[in-house]
């Protein structure tokens, strides 16, 4: 066999192997995720409770500030808006091409006052990939603060508010997140003396 034919088939085989490897890694089952344990100080913080009512736009602004502070000044790897639902936007670079990712979530308040974002919709460019795969790619390729846990198996994001440091040892808990009616209630627990 001619050396050019051999080189062609070797190159074609390598390209085919690389494509199959990428497909396998993108579609394999997602590993389990351990949710961040709420800090023990959450149970110890006792004091005065302030109930704060805010709007979706104010919550969006406050959330962006805390995410920026948690990322220590580096640019945020994603952008989001809060309206009737929460929409996360980011880009994923694959083979030198930026692919836009858009995910929609409905917020749920758990019994500890933390927030669970349950995925309701997703667009990854023109690709049709499962939500679990997109969330796994997002979890593995973007750096998130310690209080945010991505759980691809359940298609949700867990935000542990007890791990967010606010002024003078105060803690925050979500009480109600009714985005369509623009009613957001948060409890701020200020330690007593």
N, C-alpha and C. Protein backbone atom coordinates (compact mmCIF):
# COMPACT_ATOMS: atom_id res chain seq x y z
N UNK A 1 0.85 -1.18 0.00
CA UNK A 1 0.00 0.00 0.00
C UNK A 1 0.89 1.24 0.00
N UNK A 2 0.50 2.19 -0.74
CA UNK A 2 1.18 3.46 -0.88
C UNK A 2 1.22 4.20 0.46
N UNK A 3 2.33 4.91 0.74
CA UNK A 3 2.46 5.60 2.04
C UNK A 3 1.43 6.73 2.21
N UNK A 4 0.97 7.33 1.12
CA UNK A 4 -0.04 8.40 1.21
C UNK A 4 -1.41 7.83 1.58
N UNK A 5 -1.73 6.66 1.07
CA UNK A 5 -2.98 6.01 1.46
C UNK A 5 -2.94 5.66 2.94
N UNK A 6 -1.81 5.13 3.37
CA UNK A 6 -1.66 4.77 4.78
C UNK A 6 -1.78 6.01 5.66
N UNK A 7 -1.15 7.11 5.28
CA UNK A 7 -1.22 8.36 6.06
C UNK A 7 -2.65 8.89 6.09
N UNK A 8 -3.36 8.81 4.95
CA UNK A 8 -4.75 9.25 4.90
C UNK A 8 -5.62 8.44 5.85
N UNK A 9 -5.52 7.11 5.79
CA UNK A 9 -6.34 6.27 6.66
C UNK A 9 -5.96 6.44 8.13
N UNK A 10 -4.70 6.66 8.43
CA UNK A 10 -4.28 6.90 9.81
C UNK A 10 -4.87 8.22 10.32
N UNK A 11 -4.83 9.26 9.51
CA UNK A 11 -5.40 10.55 9.89
C UNK A 11 -6.92 10.46 10.03
N UNK A 12 -7.57 9.79 9.10
CA UNK A 12 -9.03 9.63 9.16
C UNK A 12 -9.42 8.84 10.42
N UNK A 13 -8.67 7.81 10.72
CA UNK A 13 -8.93 7.02 11.94
C UNK A 13 -8.74 7.84 13.20
N UNK A 14 -7.72 8.68 13.24
CA UNK A 14 -7.47 9.54 14.40
C UNK A 14 -8.60 10.55 14.58
N UNK A 15 -9.04 11.16 13.50
CA UNK A 15 -10.14 12.13 13.57
C UNK A 15 -11.41 11.44 14.03
N UNK A 16 -11.71 10.27 13.48
CA UNK A 16 -12.90 9.52 13.88
C UNK A 16 -12.84 9.13 15.35
N UNK A 17 -11.67 8.69 15.81
CA UNK A 17 -11.50 8.35 17.22
C UNK A 17 -11.72 9.58 18.11
N UNK A 18 -11.19 10.73 17.72
CA UNK A 18 -11.36 11.96 18.51
C UNK A 18 -12.83 12.36 18.59
N UNK A 19 -13.55 12.25 17.48
CA UNK A 19 -14.98 12.59 17.47
C UNK A 19 -15.75 11.64 18.38
N UNK A 20 -15.48 10.35 18.27
CA UNK A 20 -16.16 9.37 19.13
C UNK A 20 -15.84 9.59 20.60
N UNK A 21 -14.61 9.97 20.91
CA UNK A 21 -14.23 10.24 22.29
C UNK A 21 -14.99 11.44 22.84
N UNK A 22 -15.11 12.51 22.07
CA UNK A 22 -15.84 13.70 22.49
C UNK A 22 -17.32 13.36 22.71
N UNK A 23 -17.92 12.59 21.81
CA UNK A 23 -19.32 12.20 21.96
C UNK A 23 -19.50 11.35 23.21
N UNK A 24 -18.59 10.40 23.44
CA UNK A 24 -18.68 9.55 24.63
C UNK A 24 -18.58 10.39 25.90
N UNK A 25 -17.61 11.28 25.99
CA UNK A 25 -17.43 12.09 27.19
C UNK A 25 -18.60 13.03 27.43
N UNK A 26 -19.23 13.51 26.37
CA UNK A 26 -20.35 14.43 26.52
C UNK A 26 -21.65 13.73 26.89
N UNK A 27 -21.75 12.42 26.58
CA UNK A 27 -23.02 11.73 26.83
C UNK A 27 -22.94 10.65 27.90
N UNK A 28 -21.80 10.46 28.53
CA UNK A 28 -21.72 9.42 29.56
C UNK A 28 -22.54 9.85 30.78
N UNK A 29 -22.92 8.89 31.62
CA UNK A 29 -23.72 9.23 32.81
C UNK A 29 -22.97 10.20 33.71
N UNK A 30 -23.75 11.05 34.37
CA UNK A 30 -23.19 12.09 35.21
C UNK A 30 -22.87 11.52 36.58
N UNK A 31 -21.72 11.90 37.11
CA UNK A 31 -21.34 11.47 38.46
C UNK A 31 -22.27 12.09 39.48
N UNK A 32 -22.39 11.45 40.64
CA UNK A 32 -23.21 11.99 41.73
C UNK A 32 -22.63 13.29 42.25
N UNK A 33 -23.47 14.09 42.86
CA UNK A 33 -23.06 15.39 43.37
C UNK A 33 -23.42 15.45 44.85
N UNK A 34 -22.48 15.88 45.67
CA UNK A 34 -22.76 16.09 47.07
C UNK A 34 -23.10 17.55 47.28
N UNK A 35 -24.29 17.78 47.82
CA UNK A 35 -24.67 19.16 48.08
C UNK A 35 -23.81 19.70 49.21
N UNK A 36 -23.52 20.98 49.13
CA UNK A 36 -22.76 21.62 50.19
C UNK A 36 -23.55 21.53 51.47
N UNK A 37 -22.89 21.12 52.52
CA UNK A 37 -23.56 21.05 53.81
C UNK A 37 -23.71 22.46 54.35
N UNK A 38 -24.88 22.75 54.90
CA UNK A 38 -25.09 24.06 55.50
C UNK A 38 -24.12 24.21 56.66
N UNK A 39 -23.61 25.40 56.81
CA UNK A 39 -22.65 25.62 57.87
C UNK A 39 -23.33 25.43 59.22
N UNK A 40 -22.55 24.93 60.20
CA UNK A 40 -23.09 24.72 61.54
C UNK A 40 -23.49 26.04 62.18
N UNK A 41 -22.86 27.12 61.74
CA UNK A 41 -23.18 28.42 62.33
C UNK A 41 -24.60 28.85 61.98
N UNK A 42 -25.21 28.21 60.95
CA UNK A 42 -26.58 28.57 60.60
C UNK A 42 -27.51 28.28 61.78
N UNK A 43 -27.31 27.15 62.45
CA UNK A 43 -28.16 26.79 63.57
C UNK A 43 -27.83 27.62 64.81
N UNK A 44 -26.60 28.13 64.90
CA UNK A 44 -26.18 28.87 66.07
C UNK A 44 -26.58 30.35 66.01
N UNK A 45 -26.79 30.88 64.81
CA UNK A 45 -27.10 32.29 64.68
C UNK A 45 -28.50 32.52 65.24
N UNK A 46 -28.52 33.19 66.34
CA UNK A 46 -29.79 33.56 66.95
C UNK A 46 -29.75 35.06 67.14
N UNK A 47 -30.88 35.66 67.05
CA UNK A 47 -30.90 37.09 67.21
C UNK A 47 -32.16 37.67 66.65
N UNK A 48 -32.04 38.87 66.20
CA UNK A 48 -33.19 39.59 65.67
C UNK A 48 -33.39 39.24 64.20
N UNK A 49 -34.65 39.03 63.86
CA UNK A 49 -34.98 38.66 62.49
C UNK A 49 -35.67 39.84 61.81
N UNK A 50 -35.09 40.24 60.69
CA UNK A 50 -35.68 41.28 59.86
C UNK A 50 -36.24 40.63 58.61
N UNK A 51 -37.47 40.90 58.29
CA UNK A 51 -38.05 40.39 57.06
C UNK A 51 -37.99 41.52 56.04
N UNK A 52 -37.34 41.23 54.94
CA UNK A 52 -37.13 42.23 53.89
C UNK A 52 -37.91 41.81 52.66
N UNK A 53 -38.71 42.73 52.13
CA UNK A 53 -39.41 42.47 50.88
C UNK A 53 -38.72 43.26 49.79
N UNK A 54 -38.48 42.58 48.66
CA UNK A 54 -37.78 43.22 47.55
C UNK A 54 -38.45 42.84 46.23
N UNK A 55 -37.95 43.39 45.16
CA UNK A 55 -38.48 43.10 43.83
C UNK A 55 -37.48 42.24 43.07
N UNK A 56 -37.90 41.74 41.93
CA UNK A 56 -37.01 40.90 41.13
C UNK A 56 -35.79 41.67 40.64
N UNK A 57 -35.97 42.91 40.23
CA UNK A 57 -34.83 43.71 39.73
C UNK A 57 -33.84 44.01 40.85
N UNK A 58 -34.34 44.31 42.05
CA UNK A 58 -33.44 44.56 43.18
C UNK A 58 -32.70 43.28 43.57
N UNK A 59 -33.40 42.14 43.57
CA UNK A 59 -32.75 40.87 43.88
C UNK A 59 -31.69 40.54 42.84
N UNK A 60 -31.98 40.81 41.59
CA UNK A 60 -31.00 40.58 40.52
C UNK A 60 -29.73 41.41 40.76
N UNK A 61 -29.91 42.68 41.10
CA UNK A 61 -28.77 43.56 41.34
C UNK A 61 -27.95 43.09 42.55
N UNK A 62 -28.64 42.74 43.63
CA UNK A 62 -27.94 42.28 44.85
C UNK A 62 -27.21 40.96 44.56
N UNK A 63 -27.87 40.05 43.84
CA UNK A 63 -27.27 38.75 43.53
C UNK A 63 -26.01 38.92 42.69
N UNK A 64 -26.06 39.80 41.72
CA UNK A 64 -24.88 40.04 40.87
C UNK A 64 -23.72 40.61 41.68
N UNK A 65 -24.04 41.48 42.65
CA UNK A 65 -22.99 42.05 43.49
C UNK A 65 -22.31 40.96 44.33
N UNK A 66 -23.11 40.08 44.96
CA UNK A 66 -22.54 39.01 45.78
C UNK A 66 -21.78 37.99 44.93
N UNK A 67 -22.26 37.69 43.74
CA UNK A 67 -21.52 36.79 42.86
C UNK A 67 -20.20 37.41 42.42
N UNK A 68 -20.21 38.71 42.14
CA UNK A 68 -18.98 39.40 41.75
C UNK A 68 -17.99 39.40 42.91
N UNK A 69 -18.47 39.67 44.14
CA UNK A 69 -17.60 39.64 45.31
C UNK A 69 -17.03 38.24 45.54
N UNK A 70 -17.86 37.22 45.36
CA UNK A 70 -17.42 35.85 45.59
C UNK A 70 -16.42 35.40 44.54
N UNK A 71 -16.48 35.99 43.34
CA UNK A 71 -15.53 35.61 42.29
C UNK A 71 -14.23 36.40 42.40
N UNK A 72 -14.09 37.19 43.45
CA UNK A 72 -12.86 37.93 43.77
C UNK A 72 -12.39 38.82 42.62
N UNK A 73 -13.34 39.51 42.01
CA UNK A 73 -12.99 40.49 41.00
C UNK A 73 -12.83 39.96 39.59
N UNK A 74 -12.69 38.63 39.44
CA UNK A 74 -12.57 38.11 38.07
C UNK A 74 -13.93 38.21 37.39
N UNK A 75 -13.95 38.33 36.08
CA UNK A 75 -15.24 38.49 35.39
C UNK A 75 -16.12 37.26 35.59
N UNK A 76 -17.41 37.50 35.72
CA UNK A 76 -18.35 36.40 35.91
C UNK A 76 -18.42 35.55 34.65
N UNK A 77 -18.43 34.22 34.80
CA UNK A 77 -18.48 33.36 33.62
C UNK A 77 -19.88 33.27 33.03
N UNK A 78 -20.84 33.91 33.67
CA UNK A 78 -22.20 33.85 33.17
C UNK A 78 -22.94 35.13 33.52
N UNK A 79 -24.07 35.32 32.88
CA UNK A 79 -24.93 36.45 33.17
C UNK A 79 -26.31 35.89 33.43
N UNK A 80 -27.11 36.62 34.16
CA UNK A 80 -28.46 36.14 34.43
C UNK A 80 -29.41 37.31 34.60
N UNK A 81 -30.68 37.02 34.36
CA UNK A 81 -31.74 37.99 34.60
C UNK A 81 -32.83 37.29 35.41
N UNK A 82 -33.48 38.08 36.25
CA UNK A 82 -34.58 37.57 37.06
C UNK A 82 -35.83 38.32 36.63
N UNK A 83 -36.80 37.56 36.14
CA UNK A 83 -38.08 38.14 35.73
C UNK A 83 -39.16 37.20 36.23
N UNK A 84 -39.95 36.59 35.36
CA UNK A 84 -40.92 35.58 35.80
C UNK A 84 -40.24 34.27 36.14
N UNK A 85 -39.03 34.10 35.65
CA UNK A 85 -38.17 32.98 36.02
C UNK A 85 -36.74 33.50 36.04
N UNK A 86 -35.80 32.62 36.29
CA UNK A 86 -34.39 33.01 36.31
C UNK A 86 -33.75 32.45 35.06
N UNK A 87 -33.10 33.32 34.28
CA UNK A 87 -32.48 32.91 33.03
C UNK A 87 -30.97 33.10 33.15
N UNK A 88 -30.23 31.99 33.02
CA UNK A 88 -28.76 32.03 33.03
C UNK A 88 -28.28 31.98 31.59
N UNK A 89 -27.27 32.81 31.28
CA UNK A 89 -26.67 32.82 29.94
C UNK A 89 -25.16 32.73 30.08
N UNK A 90 -24.57 31.91 29.24
CA UNK A 90 -23.12 31.78 29.21
C UNK A 90 -22.72 31.33 27.82
N UNK A 91 -21.43 31.20 27.60
CA UNK A 91 -20.95 30.65 26.34
C UNK A 91 -19.99 29.52 26.65
N UNK A 92 -19.98 28.57 25.76
CA UNK A 92 -19.10 27.42 25.88
C UNK A 92 -18.25 27.39 24.62
N UNK A 93 -16.93 27.32 24.77
CA UNK A 93 -16.04 27.30 23.62
C UNK A 93 -15.72 25.86 23.25
N UNK A 94 -16.12 25.47 22.05
CA UNK A 94 -15.86 24.12 21.53
C UNK A 94 -15.21 24.27 20.17
N UNK A 95 -14.02 23.71 20.00
CA UNK A 95 -13.29 23.79 18.74
C UNK A 95 -13.20 25.23 18.25
N UNK A 96 -12.82 26.14 19.13
CA UNK A 96 -12.63 27.56 18.83
C UNK A 96 -13.91 28.27 18.40
N UNK A 97 -15.05 27.70 18.75
CA UNK A 97 -16.34 28.31 18.43
C UNK A 97 -17.11 28.53 19.72
N UNK A 98 -17.61 29.75 19.91
CA UNK A 98 -18.41 30.05 21.08
C UNK A 98 -19.85 29.63 20.83
N UNK A 99 -20.35 28.76 21.72
CA UNK A 99 -21.73 28.29 21.60
C UNK A 99 -22.52 28.91 22.75
N UNK A 100 -23.59 29.66 22.47
CA UNK A 100 -24.37 30.26 23.55
C UNK A 100 -25.22 29.21 24.28
N UNK A 101 -25.23 29.31 25.60
CA UNK A 101 -26.05 28.44 26.44
C UNK A 101 -27.03 29.33 27.19
N UNK A 102 -28.31 28.98 27.14
CA UNK A 102 -29.34 29.69 27.89
C UNK A 102 -30.14 28.66 28.66
N UNK A 103 -30.28 28.86 29.97
CA UNK A 103 -31.05 27.95 30.81
C UNK A 103 -32.06 28.75 31.61
N UNK A 104 -33.26 28.19 31.75
CA UNK A 104 -34.32 28.82 32.53
C UNK A 104 -34.59 27.97 33.77
N UNK A 105 -34.82 28.66 34.89
CA UNK A 105 -35.04 27.98 36.17
C UNK A 105 -36.20 28.61 36.93
N UNK A 106 -36.89 27.77 37.68
CA UNK A 106 -37.88 28.24 38.65
C UNK A 106 -37.27 28.07 40.04
N UNK A 107 -37.33 29.12 40.89
CA UNK A 107 -36.75 29.00 42.22
C UNK A 107 -37.71 28.32 43.20
N UNK A 108 -37.15 27.50 44.07
CA UNK A 108 -37.90 26.84 45.14
C UNK A 108 -37.14 27.11 46.43
N UNK A 109 -37.86 27.46 47.50
CA UNK A 109 -37.24 27.68 48.80
C UNK A 109 -37.35 26.38 49.59
N UNK A 110 -36.21 25.86 50.08
CA UNK A 110 -36.27 24.64 50.88
C UNK A 110 -36.52 24.97 52.35
N UNK A 111 -36.63 23.94 53.19
CA UNK A 111 -37.00 24.16 54.60
C UNK A 111 -35.91 24.87 55.40
N UNK A 112 -34.67 24.88 54.90
CA UNK A 112 -33.58 25.59 55.58
C UNK A 112 -33.48 27.05 55.15
N UNK A 113 -34.31 27.46 54.20
CA UNK A 113 -34.26 28.83 53.71
C UNK A 113 -33.27 29.02 52.59
N UNK A 114 -32.78 27.93 52.01
CA UNK A 114 -31.88 28.01 50.87
C UNK A 114 -32.70 27.92 49.58
N UNK A 115 -32.07 28.18 48.45
CA UNK A 115 -32.79 28.26 47.19
C UNK A 115 -32.36 27.11 46.28
N UNK A 116 -33.34 26.45 45.70
CA UNK A 116 -33.10 25.42 44.69
C UNK A 116 -33.65 25.95 43.37
N UNK A 117 -32.79 26.04 42.37
CA UNK A 117 -33.22 26.47 41.04
C UNK A 117 -33.48 25.22 40.21
N UNK A 118 -34.73 24.97 39.90
CA UNK A 118 -35.14 23.79 39.13
C UNK A 118 -35.23 24.17 37.65
N UNK A 119 -34.50 23.45 36.81
CA UNK A 119 -34.44 23.79 35.39
C UNK A 119 -35.78 23.54 34.70
N UNK A 120 -36.22 24.54 33.92
CA UNK A 120 -37.47 24.42 33.18
C UNK A 120 -37.27 24.49 31.67
N UNK A 121 -36.13 25.00 31.22
CA UNK A 121 -35.88 25.09 29.79
C UNK A 121 -34.41 25.30 29.52
N UNK A 122 -33.99 24.98 28.27
CA UNK A 122 -32.58 25.11 27.93
C UNK A 122 -32.40 25.22 26.42
N UNK A 123 -31.44 26.05 26.03
CA UNK A 123 -31.01 26.16 24.63
C UNK A 123 -29.49 26.16 24.62
N UNK A 124 -28.91 25.28 23.80
CA UNK A 124 -27.46 25.24 23.62
C UNK A 124 -27.19 25.44 22.15
N UNK A 125 -27.09 26.71 21.75
CA UNK A 125 -26.92 27.00 20.32
C UNK A 125 -28.02 26.31 19.54
N UNK A 126 -27.65 25.59 18.52
CA UNK A 126 -28.62 24.82 17.74
C UNK A 126 -28.52 23.33 18.06
N UNK A 127 -27.73 22.98 19.09
CA UNK A 127 -27.55 21.58 19.45
C UNK A 127 -28.72 21.07 20.27
N UNK A 128 -29.00 19.81 20.12
CA UNK A 128 -30.04 19.16 20.90
C UNK A 128 -29.36 18.17 21.84
N UNK A 129 -28.97 18.64 23.02
CA UNK A 129 -28.31 17.75 23.99
C UNK A 129 -29.15 17.72 25.26
N UNK A 130 -29.07 16.62 26.02
CA UNK A 130 -29.87 16.50 27.24
C UNK A 130 -29.48 17.57 28.27
N UNK A 131 -30.46 18.01 29.08
CA UNK A 131 -30.17 19.03 30.10
C UNK A 131 -29.08 18.59 31.08
N UNK A 132 -29.05 17.30 31.42
CA UNK A 132 -28.04 16.80 32.37
C UNK A 132 -26.64 17.01 31.80
N UNK A 133 -26.48 16.77 30.51
CA UNK A 133 -25.18 16.94 29.87
C UNK A 133 -24.77 18.40 29.84
N UNK A 134 -25.71 19.28 29.51
CA UNK A 134 -25.40 20.72 29.48
C UNK A 134 -25.00 21.22 30.87
N UNK A 135 -25.73 20.77 31.90
CA UNK A 135 -25.39 21.21 33.25
C UNK A 135 -24.05 20.63 33.71
N UNK A 136 -23.73 19.40 33.29
CA UNK A 136 -22.44 18.81 33.63
C UNK A 136 -21.31 19.59 32.98
N UNK A 137 -21.51 19.96 31.71
CA UNK A 137 -20.49 20.74 31.00
C UNK A 137 -20.32 22.09 31.69
N UNK A 138 -21.45 22.72 32.07
CA UNK A 138 -21.38 24.01 32.75
C UNK A 138 -20.65 23.87 34.09
N UNK A 139 -20.98 22.82 34.86
CA UNK A 139 -20.34 22.60 36.16
C UNK A 139 -18.84 22.40 36.02
N UNK A 140 -18.45 21.63 34.99
CA UNK A 140 -17.04 21.30 34.83
C UNK A 140 -16.22 22.41 34.18
N UNK A 141 -16.85 23.30 33.43
CA UNK A 141 -16.08 24.30 32.69
C UNK A 141 -16.11 25.70 33.32
N UNK A 142 -17.04 25.96 34.24
CA UNK A 142 -17.13 27.28 34.86
C UNK A 142 -16.80 27.18 36.34
N UNK A 143 -16.21 28.22 36.88
CA UNK A 143 -15.86 28.27 38.30
C UNK A 143 -16.98 28.98 39.06
N UNK A 144 -17.59 28.27 40.02
CA UNK A 144 -18.68 28.83 40.80
C UNK A 144 -18.23 29.04 42.25
N UNK A 145 -18.83 30.01 42.94
CA UNK A 145 -18.52 30.21 44.36
C UNK A 145 -18.92 28.97 45.18
N UNK A 146 -18.38 28.85 46.38
CA UNK A 146 -18.61 27.66 47.21
C UNK A 146 -20.07 27.50 47.62
N UNK A 147 -20.85 28.56 47.60
CA UNK A 147 -22.24 28.43 48.04
C UNK A 147 -23.18 27.99 46.92
N UNK A 148 -22.64 27.75 45.72
CA UNK A 148 -23.45 27.28 44.59
C UNK A 148 -22.99 25.88 44.21
N UNK A 149 -23.97 24.95 44.17
CA UNK A 149 -23.69 23.57 43.78
C UNK A 149 -24.56 23.21 42.59
N UNK A 150 -23.92 22.73 41.53
CA UNK A 150 -24.64 22.31 40.33
C UNK A 150 -24.91 20.80 40.46
N UNK A 151 -26.16 20.40 40.31
CA UNK A 151 -26.53 18.98 40.38
C UNK A 151 -27.15 18.56 39.05
N UNK A 152 -26.33 18.07 38.11
CA UNK A 152 -26.84 17.72 36.79
C UNK A 152 -27.87 16.58 36.82
N UNK A 153 -27.73 15.63 37.74
CA UNK A 153 -28.66 14.49 37.78
C UNK A 153 -30.10 14.94 38.02
N UNK A 154 -30.29 15.96 38.82
CA UNK A 154 -31.63 16.46 39.13
C UNK A 154 -31.98 17.70 38.32
N UNK A 155 -31.08 18.15 37.46
CA UNK A 155 -31.26 19.36 36.66
C UNK A 155 -31.61 20.54 37.56
N UNK A 156 -30.76 20.76 38.57
CA UNK A 156 -31.00 21.86 39.49
C UNK A 156 -29.70 22.46 40.00
N UNK A 157 -29.83 23.68 40.51
CA UNK A 157 -28.72 24.40 41.12
C UNK A 157 -29.13 24.71 42.55
N UNK A 158 -28.26 24.36 43.51
CA UNK A 158 -28.54 24.58 44.93
C UNK A 158 -27.72 25.77 45.41
N UNK A 159 -28.41 26.76 45.97
CA UNK A 159 -27.74 27.96 46.48
C UNK A 159 -27.88 27.95 48.01
N UNK A 160 -26.77 27.71 48.69
CA UNK A 160 -26.76 27.62 50.15
C UNK A 160 -26.53 29.02 50.73
N UNK A 161 -27.61 29.68 51.08
CA UNK A 161 -27.52 31.06 51.58
C UNK A 161 -26.78 31.16 52.90
N UNK A 162 -26.73 30.07 53.68
CA UNK A 162 -26.05 30.12 54.97
C UNK A 162 -24.53 30.28 54.82
N UNK A 163 -24.01 30.02 53.63
CA UNK A 163 -22.57 30.16 53.39
C UNK A 163 -22.18 31.54 52.87
N UNK A 164 -23.17 32.41 52.67
CA UNK A 164 -22.88 33.75 52.18
C UNK A 164 -22.62 34.66 53.37
N UNK A 165 -21.46 35.29 53.37
CA UNK A 165 -21.11 36.19 54.46
C UNK A 165 -21.65 37.59 54.17
N UNK A 166 -22.45 38.06 55.10
CA UNK A 166 -22.87 39.45 55.01
C UNK A 166 -22.42 40.14 56.28
N UNK A 167 -22.61 41.41 56.39
CA UNK A 167 -22.03 42.25 57.43
C UNK A 167 -22.27 41.71 58.84
N UNK A 168 -21.25 41.81 59.65
CA UNK A 168 -21.24 41.56 61.11
C UNK A 168 -21.86 40.23 61.52
N UNK A 169 -21.58 39.16 60.77
CA UNK A 169 -22.03 37.83 61.16
C UNK A 169 -23.50 37.55 60.91
N UNK A 170 -24.17 38.42 60.22
CA UNK A 170 -25.58 38.21 59.92
C UNK A 170 -25.72 37.11 58.88
N UNK A 171 -26.86 36.47 58.88
CA UNK A 171 -27.15 35.43 57.91
C UNK A 171 -28.45 35.77 57.19
N UNK A 172 -28.63 35.15 56.03
CA UNK A 172 -29.83 35.42 55.25
C UNK A 172 -30.52 34.10 54.92
N UNK A 173 -31.84 34.12 54.91
CA UNK A 173 -32.65 32.97 54.53
C UNK A 173 -33.74 33.46 53.58
N UNK A 174 -34.05 32.64 52.62
CA UNK A 174 -35.17 32.96 51.73
C UNK A 174 -36.45 32.49 52.41
N UNK A 175 -37.46 33.30 52.34
CA UNK A 175 -38.75 32.93 52.91
C UNK A 175 -39.77 32.66 51.81
N UNK A 176 -39.81 33.52 50.79
CA UNK A 176 -40.75 33.35 49.68
C UNK A 176 -40.15 33.97 48.43
N UNK A 177 -40.24 33.23 47.33
CA UNK A 177 -39.78 33.73 46.03
C UNK A 177 -40.93 33.55 45.03
N UNK A 178 -41.75 34.57 44.91
CA UNK A 178 -42.88 34.56 43.98
C UNK A 178 -42.55 35.53 42.85
N UNK A 179 -41.78 35.05 41.88
CA UNK A 179 -41.28 35.92 40.82
C UNK A 179 -42.37 36.48 39.93
N UNK A 180 -43.37 35.69 39.50
CA UNK A 180 -44.41 36.27 38.63
C UNK A 180 -45.15 37.44 39.28
N UNK A 181 -45.32 37.41 40.60
CA UNK A 181 -46.01 38.49 41.30
C UNK A 181 -45.04 39.52 41.88
N UNK A 182 -43.74 39.38 41.54
CA UNK A 182 -42.71 40.32 41.98
C UNK A 182 -42.68 40.48 43.50
N UNK A 183 -42.82 39.36 44.22
CA UNK A 183 -42.82 39.37 45.69
C UNK A 183 -41.73 38.43 46.19
N UNK A 184 -40.70 39.01 46.78
CA UNK A 184 -39.59 38.24 47.30
C UNK A 184 -39.40 38.63 48.75
N UNK A 185 -39.50 37.63 49.64
CA UNK A 185 -39.31 37.86 51.07
C UNK A 185 -38.06 37.14 51.53
N UNK A 186 -37.18 37.89 52.18
CA UNK A 186 -35.95 37.34 52.73
C UNK A 186 -35.90 37.65 54.21
N UNK A 187 -35.33 36.73 55.00
CA UNK A 187 -35.11 36.97 56.42
C UNK A 187 -33.63 37.25 56.63
N UNK A 188 -33.34 38.35 57.28
CA UNK A 188 -31.97 38.67 57.66
C UNK A 188 -31.90 38.47 59.17
N UNK A 189 -31.03 37.56 59.60
CA UNK A 189 -30.87 37.25 61.02
C UNK A 189 -29.63 37.97 61.52
N UNK A 190 -29.87 38.97 62.36
CA UNK A 190 -28.78 39.77 62.93
C UNK A 190 -28.50 39.23 64.32
N UNK A 191 -27.27 38.80 64.61
CA UNK A 191 -26.96 38.24 65.92
C UNK A 191 -27.22 39.25 67.04
N UNK A 192 -27.82 38.75 68.11
CA UNK A 192 -28.08 39.62 69.28
C UNK A 192 -26.83 39.71 70.13
N UNK A 193 -26.88 40.62 71.10
CA UNK A 193 -25.72 40.79 71.98
C UNK A 193 -25.81 39.89 73.18
